[in-house]
PDBML (XML) file of the C-alpha atoms, coordinates in Angstrom:
<?xml version="1.0" encoding="UTF-8" ?>
<PDBx:datablock datablockName="MODEL"
   xmlns:PDBx="http://pdbml.pdb.org/schema/pdbx-v50.xsd"
   xmlns:xsi="http://www.w3.org/2001/XMLSchema-instance"
   xsi:schemaLocation="http://pdbml.pdb.org/schema/pdbx-v50.xsd pdbx-v50.xsd">
   <PDBx:atom_siteCategory>
      <PDBx:atom_site id="1">
         <PDBx:B_iso_or_equiv>0.00</PDBx:B_iso_or_equiv>
         <PDBx:Cartn_x>9.049</PDBx:Cartn_x>
         <PDBx:Cartn_y>34.723</PDBx:Cartn_y>
         <PDBx:Cartn_z>32.711</PDBx:Cartn_z>
         <PDBx:auth_asym_id>A</PDBx:auth_asym_id>
         <PDBx:auth_atom_id>CA</PDBx:auth_atom_id>
         <PDBx:auth_comp_id>ILE</PDBx:auth_comp_id>
         <PDBx:auth_seq_id>1</PDBx:auth_seq_id>
         <PDBx:group_PDB>ATOM</PDBx:group_PDB>
         <PDBx:label_alt_id xsi:nil="true" />
         <PDBx:label_asym_id>A</PDBx:label_asym_id>
         <PDBx:label_atom_id>CA</PDBx:label_atom_id>
         <PDBx:label_comp_id>ILE</PDBx:label_comp_id>
         <PDBx:label_entity_id>1</PDBx:label_entity_id>
         <PDBx:label_seq_id>1</PDBx:label_seq_id>
         <PDBx:occupancy>1.00</PDBx:occupancy>
         <PDBx:pdbx_PDB_model_num>1</PDBx:pdbx_PDB_model_num>
         <PDBx:type_symbol>C</PDBx:type_symbol>
      </PDBx:atom_site>
      <PDBx:atom_site id="2">
         <PDBx:B_iso_or_equiv>0.00</PDBx:B_iso_or_equiv>
         <PDBx:Cartn_x>10.832</PDBx:Cartn_x>
         <PDBx:Cartn_y>36.907</PDBx:Cartn_y>
         <PDBx:Cartn_z>30.160</PDBx:Cartn_z>
         <PDBx:auth_asym_id>A</PDBx:auth_asym_id>
         <PDBx:auth_atom_id>CA</PDBx:auth_atom_id>
         <PDBx:auth_comp_id>PHE</PDBx:auth_comp_id>
         <PDBx:auth_seq_id>2</PDBx:auth_seq_id>
         <PDBx:group_PDB>ATOM</PDBx:group_PDB>
         <PDBx:label_alt_id xsi:nil="true" />
         <PDBx:label_asym_id>A</PDBx:label_asym_id>
         <PDBx:label_atom_id>CA</PDBx:label_atom_id>
         <PDBx:label_comp_id>PHE</PDBx:label_comp_id>
         <PDBx:label_entity_id>1</PDBx:label_entity_id>
         <PDBx:label_seq_id>2</PDBx:label_seq_id>
         <PDBx:occupancy>1.00</PDBx:occupancy>
         <PDBx:pdbx_PDB_model_num>1</PDBx:pdbx_PDB_model_num>
         <PDBx:type_symbol>C</PDBx:type_symbol>
      </PDBx:atom_site>
      <PDBx:atom_site id="3">
         <PDBx:B_iso_or_equiv>0.00</PDBx:B_iso_or_equiv>
         <PDBx:Cartn_x>12.103</PDBx:Cartn_x>
         <PDBx:Cartn_y>34.022</PDBx:Cartn_y>
         <PDBx:Cartn_z>28.029</PDBx:Cartn_z>
         <PDBx:auth_asym_id>A</PDBx:auth_asym_id>
         <PDBx:auth_atom_id>CA</PDBx:auth_atom_id>
         <PDBx:auth_comp_id>GLY</PDBx:auth_comp_id>
         <PDBx:auth_seq_id>3</PDBx:auth_seq_id>
         <PDBx:group_PDB>ATOM</PDBx:group_PDB>
         <PDBx:label_alt_id xsi:nil="true" />
         <PDBx:label_asym_id>A</PDBx:label_asym_id>
         <PDBx:label_atom_id>CA</PDBx:label_atom_id>
         <PDBx:label_comp_id>GLY</PDBx:label_comp_id>
         <PDBx:label_entity_id>1</PDBx:label_entity_id>
         <PDBx:label_seq_id>3</PDBx:label_seq_id>
         <PDBx:occupancy>1.00</PDBx:occupancy>
         <PDBx:pdbx_PDB_model_num>1</PDBx:pdbx_PDB_model_num>
         <PDBx:type_symbol>C</PDBx:type_symbol>
      </PDBx:atom_site>
      <PDBx:atom_site id="4">
         <PDBx:B_iso_or_equiv>0.00</PDBx:B_iso_or_equiv>
         <PDBx:Cartn_x>12.305</PDBx:Cartn_x>
         <PDBx:Cartn_y>30.221</PDBx:Cartn_y>
         <PDBx:Cartn_z>27.802</PDBx:Cartn_z>
         <PDBx:auth_asym_id>A</PDBx:auth_asym_id>
         <PDBx:auth_atom_id>CA</PDBx:auth_atom_id>
         <PDBx:auth_comp_id>VAL</PDBx:auth_comp_id>
         <PDBx:auth_seq_id>4</PDBx:auth_seq_id>
         <PDBx:group_PDB>ATOM</PDBx:group_PDB>
         <PDBx:label_alt_id xsi:nil="true" />
         <PDBx:label_asym_id>A</PDBx:label_asym_id>
         <PDBx:label_atom_id>CA</PDBx:label_atom_id>
         <PDBx:label_comp_id>VAL</PDBx:label_comp_id>
         <PDBx:label_entity_id>1</PDBx:label_entity_id>
         <PDBx:label_seq_id>4</PDBx:label_seq_id>
         <PDBx:occupancy>1.00</PDBx:occupancy>
         <PDBx:pdbx_PDB_model_num>1</PDBx:pdbx_PDB_model_num>
         <PDBx:type_symbol>C</PDBx:type_symbol>
      </PDBx:atom_site>
      <PDBx:atom_site id="5">
         <PDBx:B_iso_or_equiv>0.00</PDBx:B_iso_or_equiv>
         <PDBx:Cartn_x>15.406</PDBx:Cartn_x>
         <PDBx:Cartn_y>28.533</PDBx:Cartn_y>
         <PDBx:Cartn_z>26.362</PDBx:Cartn_z>
         <PDBx:auth_asym_id>A</PDBx:auth_asym_id>
         <PDBx:auth_atom_id>CA</PDBx:auth_atom_id>
         <PDBx:auth_comp_id>TYR</PDBx:auth_comp_id>
         <PDBx:auth_seq_id>5</PDBx:auth_seq_id>
         <PDBx:group_PDB>ATOM</PDBx:group_PDB>
         <PDBx:label_alt_id xsi:nil="true" />
         <PDBx:label_asym_id>A</PDBx:label_asym_id>
         <PDBx:label_atom_id>CA</PDBx:label_atom_id>
         <PDBx:label_comp_id>TYR</PDBx:label_comp_id>
         <PDBx:label_entity_id>1</PDBx:label_entity_id>
         <PDBx:label_seq_id>5</PDBx:label_seq_id>
         <PDBx:occupancy>1.00</PDBx:occupancy>
         <PDBx:pdbx_PDB_model_num>1</PDBx:pdbx_PDB_model_num>
         <PDBx:type_symbol>C</PDBx:type_symbol>
      </PDBx:atom_site>
      <PDBx:atom_site id="6">
         <PDBx:B_iso_or_equiv>0.00</PDBx:B_iso_or_equiv>
         <PDBx:Cartn_x>16.445</PDBx:Cartn_x>
         <PDBx:Cartn_y>24.950</PDBx:Cartn_y>
         <PDBx:Cartn_z>25.588</PDBx:Cartn_z>
         <PDBx:auth_asym_id>A</PDBx:auth_asym_id>
         <PDBx:auth_atom_id>CA</PDBx:auth_atom_id>
         <PDBx:auth_comp_id>VAL</PDBx:auth_comp_id>
         <PDBx:auth_seq_id>6</PDBx:auth_seq_id>
         <PDBx:group_PDB>ATOM</PDBx:group_PDB>
         <PDBx:label_alt_id xsi:nil="true" />
         <PDBx:label_asym_id>A</PDBx:label_asym_id>
         <PDBx:label_atom_id>CA</PDBx:label_atom_id>
         <PDBx:label_comp_id>VAL</PDBx:label_comp_id>
         <PDBx:label_entity_id>1</PDBx:label_entity_id>
         <PDBx:label_seq_id>6</PDBx:label_seq_id>
         <PDBx:occupancy>1.00</PDBx:occupancy>
         <PDBx:pdbx_PDB_model_num>1</PDBx:pdbx_PDB_model_num>
         <PDBx:type_symbol>C</PDBx:type_symbol>
      </PDBx:atom_site>
      <PDBx:atom_site id="7">
         <PDBx:B_iso_or_equiv>0.00</PDBx:B_iso_or_equiv>
         <PDBx:Cartn_x>19.267</PDBx:Cartn_x>
         <PDBx:Cartn_y>23.155</PDBx:Cartn_y>
         <PDBx:Cartn_z>23.802</PDBx:Cartn_z>
         <PDBx:auth_asym_id>A</PDBx:auth_asym_id>
         <PDBx:auth_atom_id>CA</PDBx:auth_atom_id>
         <PDBx:auth_comp_id>SER</PDBx:auth_comp_id>
         <PDBx:auth_seq_id>7</PDBx:auth_seq_id>
         <PDBx:group_PDB>ATOM</PDBx:group_PDB>
         <PDBx:label_alt_id xsi:nil="true" />
         <PDBx:label_asym_id>A</PDBx:label_asym_id>
         <PDBx:label_atom_id>CA</PDBx:label_atom_id>
         <PDBx:label_comp_id>SER</PDBx:label_comp_id>
         <PDBx:label_entity_id>1</PDBx:label_entity_id>
         <PDBx:label_seq_id>7</PDBx:label_seq_id>
         <PDBx:occupancy>1.00</PDBx:occupancy>
         <PDBx:pdbx_PDB_model_num>1</PDBx:pdbx_PDB_model_num>
         <PDBx:type_symbol>C</PDBx:type_symbol>
      </PDBx:atom_site>
      <PDBx:atom_site id="8">
         <PDBx:B_iso_or_equiv>0.00</PDBx:B_iso_or_equiv>
         <PDBx:Cartn_x>19.607</PDBx:Cartn_x>
         <PDBx:Cartn_y>19.480</PDBx:Cartn_y>
         <PDBx:Cartn_z>22.918</PDBx:Cartn_z>
         <PDBx:auth_asym_id>A</PDBx:auth_asym_id>
         <PDBx:auth_atom_id>CA</PDBx:auth_atom_id>
         <PDBx:auth_comp_id>PRO</PDBx:auth_comp_id>
         <PDBx:auth_seq_id>8</PDBx:auth_seq_id>
         <PDBx:group_PDB>ATOM</PDBx:group_PDB>
         <PDBx:label_alt_id xsi:nil="true" />
         <PDBx:label_asym_id>A</PDBx:label_asym_id>
         <PDBx:label_atom_id>CA</PDBx:label_atom_id>
         <PDBx:label_comp_id>PRO</PDBx:label_comp_id>
         <PDBx:label_entity_id>1</PDBx:label_entity_id>
         <PDBx:label_seq_id>8</PDBx:label_seq_id>
         <PDBx:occupancy>1.00</PDBx:occupancy>
         <PDBx:pdbx_PDB_model_num>1</PDBx:pdbx_PDB_model_num>
         <PDBx:type_symbol>C</PDBx:type_symbol>
      </PDBx:atom_site>
      <PDBx:atom_site id="9">
         <PDBx:B_iso_or_equiv>0.00</PDBx:B_iso_or_equiv>
         <PDBx:Cartn_x>23.415</PDBx:Cartn_x>
         <PDBx:Cartn_y>19.774</PDBx:Cartn_y>
         <PDBx:Cartn_z>23.141</PDBx:Cartn_z>
         <PDBx:auth_asym_id>A</PDBx:auth_asym_id>
         <PDBx:auth_atom_id>CA</PDBx:auth_atom_id>
         <PDBx:auth_comp_id>ASN</PDBx:auth_comp_id>
         <PDBx:auth_seq_id>9</PDBx:auth_seq_id>
         <PDBx:group_PDB>ATOM</PDBx:group_PDB>
         <PDBx:label_alt_id xsi:nil="true" />
         <PDBx:label_asym_id>A</PDBx:label_asym_id>
         <PDBx:label_atom_id>CA</PDBx:label_atom_id>
         <PDBx:label_comp_id>ASN</PDBx:label_comp_id>
         <PDBx:label_entity_id>1</PDBx:label_entity_id>
         <PDBx:label_seq_id>9</PDBx:label_seq_id>
         <PDBx:occupancy>1.00</PDBx:occupancy>
         <PDBx:pdbx_PDB_model_num>1</PDBx:pdbx_PDB_model_num>
         <PDBx:type_symbol>C</PDBx:type_symbol>
      </PDBx:atom_site>
      <PDBx:atom_site id="10">
         <PDBx:B_iso_or_equiv>0.00</PDBx:B_iso_or_equiv>
         <PDBx:Cartn_x>25.599</PDBx:Cartn_x>
         <PDBx:Cartn_y>20.521</PDBx:Cartn_y>
         <PDBx:Cartn_z>26.159</PDBx:Cartn_z>
         <PDBx:auth_asym_id>A</PDBx:auth_asym_id>
         <PDBx:auth_atom_id>CA</PDBx:auth_atom_id>
         <PDBx:auth_comp_id>ARG</PDBx:auth_comp_id>
         <PDBx:auth_seq_id>10</PDBx:auth_seq_id>
         <PDBx:group_PDB>ATOM</PDBx:group_PDB>
         <PDBx:label_alt_id xsi:nil="true" />
         <PDBx:label_asym_id>A</PDBx:label_asym_id>
         <PDBx:label_atom_id>CA</PDBx:label_atom_id>
         <PDBx:label_comp_id>ARG</PDBx:label_comp_id>
         <PDBx:label_entity_id>1</PDBx:label_entity_id>
         <PDBx:label_seq_id>10</PDBx:label_seq_id>
         <PDBx:occupancy>1.00</PDBx:occupancy>
         <PDBx:pdbx_PDB_model_num>1</PDBx:pdbx_PDB_model_num>
         <PDBx:type_symbol>C</PDBx:type_symbol>
      </PDBx:atom_site>
      <PDBx:atom_site id="11">
         <PDBx:B_iso_or_equiv>0.00</PDBx:B_iso_or_equiv>
         <PDBx:Cartn_x>28.219</PDBx:Cartn_x>
         <PDBx:Cartn_y>23.233</PDBx:Cartn_y>
         <PDBx:Cartn_z>25.970</PDBx:Cartn_z>
         <PDBx:auth_asym_id>A</PDBx:auth_asym_id>
         <PDBx:auth_atom_id>CA</PDBx:auth_atom_id>
         <PDBx:auth_comp_id>GLY</PDBx:auth_comp_id>
         <PDBx:auth_seq_id>11</PDBx:auth_seq_id>
         <PDBx:group_PDB>ATOM</PDBx:group_PDB>
         <PDBx:label_alt_id xsi:nil="true" />
         <PDBx:label_asym_id>A</PDBx:label_asym_id>
         <PDBx:label_atom_id>CA</PDBx:label_atom_id>
         <PDBx:label_comp_id>GLY</PDBx:label_comp_id>
         <PDBx:label_entity_id>1</PDBx:label_entity_id>
         <PDBx:label_seq_id>11</PDBx:label_seq_id>
         <PDBx:occupancy>1.00</PDBx:occupancy>
         <PDBx:pdbx_PDB_model_num>1</PDBx:pdbx_PDB_model_num>
         <PDBx:type_symbol>C</PDBx:type_symbol>
      </PDBx:atom_site>
      <PDBx:atom_site id="12">
         <PDBx:B_iso_or_equiv>0.00</PDBx:B_iso_or_equiv>
         <PDBx:Cartn_x>26.438</PDBx:Cartn_x>
         <PDBx:Cartn_y>25.500</PDBx:Cartn_y>
         <PDBx:Cartn_z>23.534</PDBx:Cartn_z>
         <PDBx:auth_asym_id>A</PDBx:auth_asym_id>
         <PDBx:auth_atom_id>CA</PDBx:auth_atom_id>
         <PDBx:auth_comp_id>GLU</PDBx:auth_comp_id>
         <PDBx:auth_seq_id>12</PDBx:auth_seq_id>
         <PDBx:group_PDB>ATOM</PDBx:group_PDB>
         <PDBx:label_alt_id xsi:nil="true" />
         <PDBx:label_asym_id>A</PDBx:label_asym_id>
         <PDBx:label_atom_id>CA</PDBx:label_atom_id>
         <PDBx:label_comp_id>GLU</PDBx:label_comp_id>
         <PDBx:label_entity_id>1</PDBx:label_entity_id>
         <PDBx:label_seq_id>12</PDBx:label_seq_id>
         <PDBx:occupancy>1.00</PDBx:occupancy>
         <PDBx:pdbx_PDB_model_num>1</PDBx:pdbx_PDB_model_num>
         <PDBx:type_symbol>C</PDBx:type_symbol>
      </PDBx:atom_site>
      <PDBx:atom_site id="13">
         <PDBx:B_iso_or_equiv>0.00</PDBx:B_iso_or_equiv>
         <PDBx:Cartn_x>23.943</PDBx:Cartn_x>
         <PDBx:Cartn_y>28.312</PDBx:Cartn_y>
         <PDBx:Cartn_z>23.800</PDBx:Cartn_z>
         <PDBx:auth_asym_id>A</PDBx:auth_asym_id>
         <PDBx:auth_atom_id>CA</PDBx:auth_atom_id>
         <PDBx:auth_comp_id>GLY</PDBx:auth_comp_id>
         <PDBx:auth_seq_id>13</PDBx:auth_seq_id>
         <PDBx:group_PDB>ATOM</PDBx:group_PDB>
         <PDBx:label_alt_id xsi:nil="true" />
         <PDBx:label_asym_id>A</PDBx:label_asym_id>
         <PDBx:label_atom_id>CA</PDBx:label_atom_id>
         <PDBx:label_comp_id>GLY</PDBx:label_comp_id>
         <PDBx:label_entity_id>1</PDBx:label_entity_id>
         <PDBx:label_seq_id>13</PDBx:label_seq_id>
         <PDBx:occupancy>1.00</PDBx:occupancy>
         <PDBx:pdbx_PDB_model_num>1</PDBx:pdbx_PDB_model_num>
         <PDBx:type_symbol>C</PDBx:type_symbol>
      </PDBx:atom_site>
      <PDBx:atom_site id="14">
         <PDBx:B_iso_or_equiv>0.00</PDBx:B_iso_or_equiv>
         <PDBx:Cartn_x>20.241</PDBx:Cartn_x>
         <PDBx:Cartn_y>27.741</PDBx:Cartn_y>
         <PDBx:Cartn_z>24.153</PDBx:Cartn_z>
         <PDBx:auth_asym_id>A</PDBx:auth_asym_id>
         <PDBx:auth_atom_id>CA</PDBx:auth_atom_id>
         <PDBx:auth_comp_id>LYS</PDBx:auth_comp_id>
         <PDBx:auth_seq_id>14</PDBx:auth_seq_id>
         <PDBx:group_PDB>ATOM</PDBx:group_PDB>
         <PDBx:label_alt_id xsi:nil="true" />
         <PDBx:label_asym_id>A</PDBx:label_asym_id>
         <PDBx:label_atom_id>CA</PDBx:label_atom_id>
         <PDBx:label_comp_id>LYS</PDBx:label_comp_id>
         <PDBx:label_entity_id>1</PDBx:label_entity_id>
         <PDBx:label_seq_id>14</PDBx:label_seq_id>
         <PDBx:occupancy>1.00</PDBx:occupancy>
         <PDBx:pdbx_PDB_model_num>1</PDBx:pdbx_PDB_model_num>
         <PDBx:type_symbol>C</PDBx:type_symbol>
      </PDBx:atom_site>
      <PDBx:atom_site id="15">
         <PDBx:B_iso_or_equiv>0.00</PDBx:B_iso_or_equiv>
         <PDBx:Cartn_x>17.484</PDBx:Cartn_x>
         <PDBx:Cartn_y>28.495</PDBx:Cartn_y>
         <PDBx:Cartn_z>21.653</PDBx:Cartn_z>
         <PDBx:auth_asym_id>A</PDBx:auth_asym_id>
         <PDBx:auth_atom_id>CA</PDBx:auth_atom_id>
         <PDBx:auth_comp_id>VAL</PDBx:auth_comp_id>
         <PDBx:auth_seq_id>15</PDBx:auth_seq_id>
         <PDBx:group_PDB>ATOM</PDBx:group_PDB>
         <PDBx:label_alt_id xsi:nil="true" />
         <PDBx:label_asym_id>A</PDBx:label_asym_id>
         <PDBx:label_atom_id>CA</PDBx:label_atom_id>
         <PDBx:label_comp_id>VAL</PDBx:label_comp_id>
         <PDBx:label_entity_id>1</PDBx:label_entity_id>
         <PDBx:label_seq_id>15</PDBx:label_seq_id>
         <PDBx:occupancy>1.00</PDBx:occupancy>
         <PDBx:pdbx_PDB_model_num>1</PDBx:pdbx_PDB_model_num>
         <PDBx:type_symbol>C</PDBx:type_symbol>
      </PDBx:atom_site>
      <PDBx:atom_site id="16">
         <PDBx:B_iso_or_equiv>0.00</PDBx:B_iso_or_equiv>
         <PDBx:Cartn_x>14.486</PDBx:Cartn_x>
         <PDBx:Cartn_y>30.660</PDBx:Cartn_y>
         <PDBx:Cartn_z>22.535</PDBx:Cartn_z>
         <PDBx:auth_asym_id>A</PDBx:auth_asym_id>
         <PDBx:auth_atom_id>CA</PDBx:auth_atom_id>
         <PDBx:auth_comp_id>ALA</PDBx:auth_comp_id>
         <PDBx:auth_seq_id>16</PDBx:auth_seq_id>
         <PDBx:group_PDB>ATOM</PDBx:group_PDB>
         <PDBx:label_alt_id xsi:nil="true" />
         <PDBx:label_asym_id>A</PDBx:label_asym_id>
         <PDBx:label_atom_id>CA</PDBx:label_atom_id>
         <PDBx:label_comp_id>ALA</PDBx:label_comp_id>
         <PDBx:label_entity_id>1</PDBx:label_entity_id>
         <PDBx:label_seq_id>16</PDBx:label_seq_id>
         <PDBx:occupancy>1.00</PDBx:occupancy>
         <PDBx:pdbx_PDB_model_num>1</PDBx:pdbx_PDB_model_num>
         <PDBx:type_symbol>C</PDBx:type_symbol>
      </PDBx:atom_site>
      <PDBx:atom_site id="17">
         <PDBx:B_iso_or_equiv>0.00</PDBx:B_iso_or_equiv>
         <PDBx:Cartn_x>11.221</PDBx:Cartn_x>
         <PDBx:Cartn_y>28.728</PDBx:Cartn_y>
         <PDBx:Cartn_z>22.361</PDBx:Cartn_z>
         <PDBx:auth_asym_id>A</PDBx:auth_asym_id>
         <PDBx:auth_atom_id>CA</PDBx:auth_atom_id>
         <PDBx:auth_comp_id>VAL</PDBx:auth_comp_id>
         <PDBx:auth_seq_id>17</PDBx:auth_seq_id>
         <PDBx:group_PDB>ATOM</PDBx:group_PDB>
         <PDBx:label_alt_id xsi:nil="true" />
         <PDBx:label_asym_id>A</PDBx:label_asym_id>
         <PDBx:label_atom_id>CA</PDBx:label_atom_id>
         <PDBx:label_comp_id>VAL</PDBx:label_comp_id>
         <PDBx:label_entity_id>1</PDBx:label_entity_id>
         <PDBx:label_seq_id>17</PDBx:label_seq_id>
         <PDBx:occupancy>1.00</PDBx:occupancy>
         <PDBx:pdbx_PDB_model_num>1</PDBx:pdbx_PDB_model_num>
         <PDBx:type_symbol>C</PDBx:type_symbol>
      </PDBx:atom_site>
      <PDBx:atom_site id="18">
         <PDBx:B_iso_or_equiv>0.00</PDBx:B_iso_or_equiv>
         <PDBx:Cartn_x>7.567</PDBx:Cartn_x>
         <PDBx:Cartn_y>29.774</PDBx:Cartn_y>
         <PDBx:Cartn_z>22.499</PDBx:Cartn_z>
         <PDBx:auth_asym_id>A</PDBx:auth_asym_id>
         <PDBx:auth_atom_id>CA</PDBx:auth_atom_id>
         <PDBx:auth_comp_id>ASP</PDBx:auth_comp_id>
         <PDBx:auth_seq_id>18</PDBx:auth_seq_id>
         <PDBx:group_PDB>ATOM</PDBx:group_PDB>
         <PDBx:label_alt_id xsi:nil="true" />
         <PDBx:label_asym_id>A</PDBx:label_asym_id>
         <PDBx:label_atom_id>CA</PDBx:label_atom_id>
         <PDBx:label_comp_id>ASP</PDBx:label_comp_id>
         <PDBx:label_entity_id>1</PDBx:label_entity_id>
         <PDBx:label_seq_id>18</PDBx:label_seq_id>
         <PDBx:occupancy>1.00</PDBx:occupancy>
         <PDBx:pdbx_PDB_model_num>1</PDBx:pdbx_PDB_model_num>
         <PDBx:type_symbol>C</PDBx:type_symbol>
      </PDBx:atom_site>
      <PDBx:atom_site id="19">
         <PDBx:B_iso_or_equiv>0.00</PDBx:B_iso_or_equiv>
         <PDBx:Cartn_x>6.912</PDBx:Cartn_x>
         <PDBx:Cartn_y>27.262</PDBx:Cartn_y>
         <PDBx:Cartn_z>25.280</PDBx:Cartn_z>
         <PDBx:auth_asym_id>A</PDBx:auth_asym_id>
         <PDBx:auth_atom_id>CA</PDBx:auth_atom_id>
         <PDBx:auth_comp_id>SER</PDBx:auth_comp_id>
         <PDBx:auth_seq_id>19</PDBx:auth_seq_id>
         <PDBx:group_PDB>ATOM</PDBx:group_PDB>
         <PDBx:label_alt_id xsi:nil="true" />
         <PDBx:label_asym_id>A</PDBx:label_asym_id>
         <PDBx:label_atom_id>CA</PDBx:label_atom_id>
         <PDBx:label_comp_id>SER</PDBx:label_comp_id>
         <PDBx:label_entity_id>1</PDBx:label_entity_id>
         <PDBx:label_seq_id>19</PDBx:label_seq_id>
         <PDBx:occupancy>1.00</PDBx:occupancy>
         <PDBx:pdbx_PDB_model_num>1</PDBx:pdbx_PDB_model_num>
         <PDBx:type_symbol>C</PDBx:type_symbol>
      </PDBx:atom_site>
      <PDBx:atom_site id="20">
         <PDBx:B_iso_or_equiv>0.00</PDBx:B_iso_or_equiv>
         <PDBx:Cartn_x>8.506</PDBx:Cartn_x>
         <PDBx:Cartn_y>24.267</PDBx:Cartn_y>
         <PDBx:Cartn_z>26.967</PDBx:Cartn_z>
         <PDBx:auth_asym_id>A</PDBx:auth_asym_id>
         <PDBx:auth_atom_id>CA</PDBx:auth_atom_id>
         <PDBx:auth_comp_id>ALA</PDBx:auth_comp_id>
         <PDBx:auth_seq_id>20</PDBx:auth_seq_id>
         <PDBx:group_PDB>ATOM</PDBx:group_PDB>
         <PDBx:label_alt_id xsi:nil="true" />
         <PDBx:label_asym_id>A</PDBx:label_asym_id>
         <PDBx:label_atom_id>CA</PDBx:label_atom_id>
         <PDBx:label_comp_id>ALA</PDBx:label_comp_id>
         <PDBx:label_entity_id>1</PDBx:label_entity_id>
         <PDBx:label_seq_id>20</PDBx:label_seq_id>
         <PDBx:occupancy>1.00</PDBx:occupancy>
         <PDBx:pdbx_PDB_model_num>1</PDBx:pdbx_PDB_model_num>
         <PDBx:type_symbol>C</PDBx:type_symbol>
      </PDBx:atom_site>
      <PDBx:atom_site id="21">
         <PDBx:B_iso_or_equiv>0.00</PDBx:B_iso_or_equiv>
         <PDBx:Cartn_x>7.326</PDBx:Cartn_x>
         <PDBx:Cartn_y>21.381</PDBx:Cartn_y>
         <PDBx:Cartn_z>29.104</PDBx:Cartn_z>
         <PDBx:auth_asym_id>A</PDBx:auth_asym_id>
         <PDBx:auth_atom_id>CA</PDBx:auth_atom_id>
         <PDBx:auth_comp_id>GLU</PDBx:auth_comp_id>
         <PDBx:auth_seq_id>21</PDBx:auth_seq_id>
         <PDBx:group_PDB>ATOM</PDBx:group_PDB>
         <PDBx:label_alt_id xsi:nil="true" />
         <PDBx:label_asym_id>A</PDBx:label_asym_id>
         <PDBx:label_atom_id>CA</PDBx:label_atom_id>
         <PDBx:label_comp_id>GLU</PDBx:label_comp_id>
         <PDBx:label_entity_id>1</PDBx:label_entity_id>
         <PDBx:label_seq_id>21</PDBx:label_seq_id>
         <PDBx:occupancy>1.00</PDBx:occupancy>
         <PDBx:pdbx_PDB_model_num>1</PDBx:pdbx_PDB_model_num>
         <PDBx:type_symbol>C</PDBx:type_symbol>
      </PDBx:atom_site>
      <PDBx:atom_site id="22">
         <PDBx:B_iso_or_equiv>0.00</PDBx:B_iso_or_equiv>
         <PDBx:Cartn_x>8.799</PDBx:Cartn_x>
         <PDBx:Cartn_y>21.108</PDBx:Cartn_y>
         <PDBx:Cartn_z>32.587</PDBx:Cartn_z>
         <PDBx:auth_asym_id>A</PDBx:auth_asym_id>
         <PDBx:auth_atom_id>CA</PDBx:auth_atom_id>
         <PDBx:auth_comp_id>LEU</PDBx:auth_comp_id>
         <PDBx:auth_seq_id>22</PDBx:auth_seq_id>
         <PDBx:group_PDB>ATOM</PDBx:group_PDB>
         <PDBx:label_alt_id xsi:nil="true" />
         <PDBx:label_asym_id>A</PDBx:label_asym_id>
         <PDBx:label_atom_id>CA</PDBx:label_atom_id>
         <PDBx:label_comp_id>LEU</PDBx:label_comp_id>
         <PDBx:label_entity_id>1</PDBx:label_entity_id>
         <PDBx:label_seq_id>22</PDBx:label_seq_id>
         <PDBx:occupancy>1.00</PDBx:occupancy>
         <PDBx:pdbx_PDB_model_num>1</PDBx:pdbx_PDB_model_num>
         <PDBx:type_symbol>C</PDBx:type_symbol>
      </PDBx:atom_site>
      <PDBx:atom_site id="23">
         <PDBx:B_iso_or_equiv>0.00</PDBx:B_iso_or_equiv>
         <PDBx:Cartn_x>8.858</PDBx:Cartn_x>
         <PDBx:Cartn_y>17.484</PDBx:Cartn_y>
         <PDBx:Cartn_z>33.712</PDBx:Cartn_z>
         <PDBx:auth_asym_id>A</PDBx:auth_asym_id>
         <PDBx:auth_atom_id>CA</PDBx:auth_atom_id>
         <PDBx:auth_comp_id>ILE</PDBx:auth_comp_id>
         <PDBx:auth_seq_id>23</PDBx:auth_seq_id>
         <PDBx:group_PDB>ATOM</PDBx:group_PDB>
         <PDBx:label_alt_id xsi:nil="true" />
         <PDBx:label_asym_id>A</PDBx:label_asym_id>
         <PDBx:label_atom_id>CA</PDBx:label_atom_id>
         <PDBx:label_comp_id>ILE</PDBx:label_comp_id>
         <PDBx:label_entity_id>1</PDBx:label_entity_id>
         <PDBx:label_seq_id>23</PDBx:label_seq_id>
         <PDBx:occupancy>1.00</PDBx:occupancy>
         <PDBx:pdbx_PDB_model_num>1</PDBx:pdbx_PDB_model_num>
         <PDBx:type_symbol>C</PDBx:type_symbol>
      </PDBx:atom_site>
      <PDBx:atom_site id="24">
         <PDBx:B_iso_or_equiv>0.00</PDBx:B_iso_or_equiv>
         <PDBx:Cartn_x>8.844</PDBx:Cartn_x>
         <PDBx:Cartn_y>16.754</PDBx:Cartn_y>
         <PDBx:Cartn_z>37.462</PDBx:Cartn_z>
         <PDBx:auth_asym_id>A</PDBx:auth_asym_id>
         <PDBx:auth_atom_id>CA</PDBx:auth_atom_id>
         <PDBx:auth_comp_id>ALA</PDBx:auth_comp_id>
         <PDBx:auth_seq_id>24</PDBx:auth_seq_id>
         <PDBx:group_PDB>ATOM</PDBx:group_PDB>
         <PDBx:label_alt_id xsi:nil="true" />
         <PDBx:label_asym_id>A</PDBx:label_asym_id>
         <PDBx:label_atom_id>CA</PDBx:label_atom_id>
         <PDBx:label_comp_id>ALA</PDBx:label_comp_id>
         <PDBx:label_entity_id>1</PDBx:label_entity_id>
         <PDBx:label_seq_id>24</PDBx:label_seq_id>
         <PDBx:occupancy>1.00</PDBx:occupancy>
         <PDBx:pdbx_PDB_model_num>1</PDBx:pdbx_PDB_model_num>
         <PDBx:type_symbol>C</PDBx:type_symbol>
      </PDBx:atom_site>
      <PDBx:atom_site id="25">
         <PDBx:B_iso_or_equiv>0.00</PDBx:B_iso_or_equiv>
         <PDBx:Cartn_x>12.060</PDBx:Cartn_x>
         <PDBx:Cartn_y>15.213</PDBx:Cartn_y>
         <PDBx:Cartn_z>38.798</PDBx:Cartn_z>
         <PDBx:auth_asym_id>A</PDBx:auth_asym_id>
         <PDBx:auth_atom_id>CA</PDBx:auth_atom_id>
         <PDBx:auth_comp_id>ASP</PDBx:auth_comp_id>
         <PDBx:auth_seq_id>25</PDBx:auth_seq_id>
         <PDBx:group_PDB>ATOM</PDBx:group_PDB>
         <PDBx:label_alt_id xsi:nil="true" />
         <PDBx:label_asym_id>A</PDBx:label_asym_id>
         <PDBx:label_atom_id>CA</PDBx:label_atom_id>
         <PDBx:label_comp_id>ASP</PDBx:label_comp_id>
         <PDBx:label_entity_id>1</PDBx:label_entity_id>
         <PDBx:label_seq_id>25</PDBx:label_seq_id>
         <PDBx:occupancy>1.00</PDBx:occupancy>
         <PDBx:pdbx_PDB_model_num>1</PDBx:pdbx_PDB_model_num>
         <PDBx:type_symbol>C</PDBx:type_symbol>
      </PDBx:atom_site>
   </PDBx:atom_siteCategory>
</PDBx:datablock>
């Protein structure tokens, strides 16, 4: 994994994060 990105808002770019939690389903 080169980078992990999230955004709380739809329709805009993501923000790079140090880590993120993947939640099943």
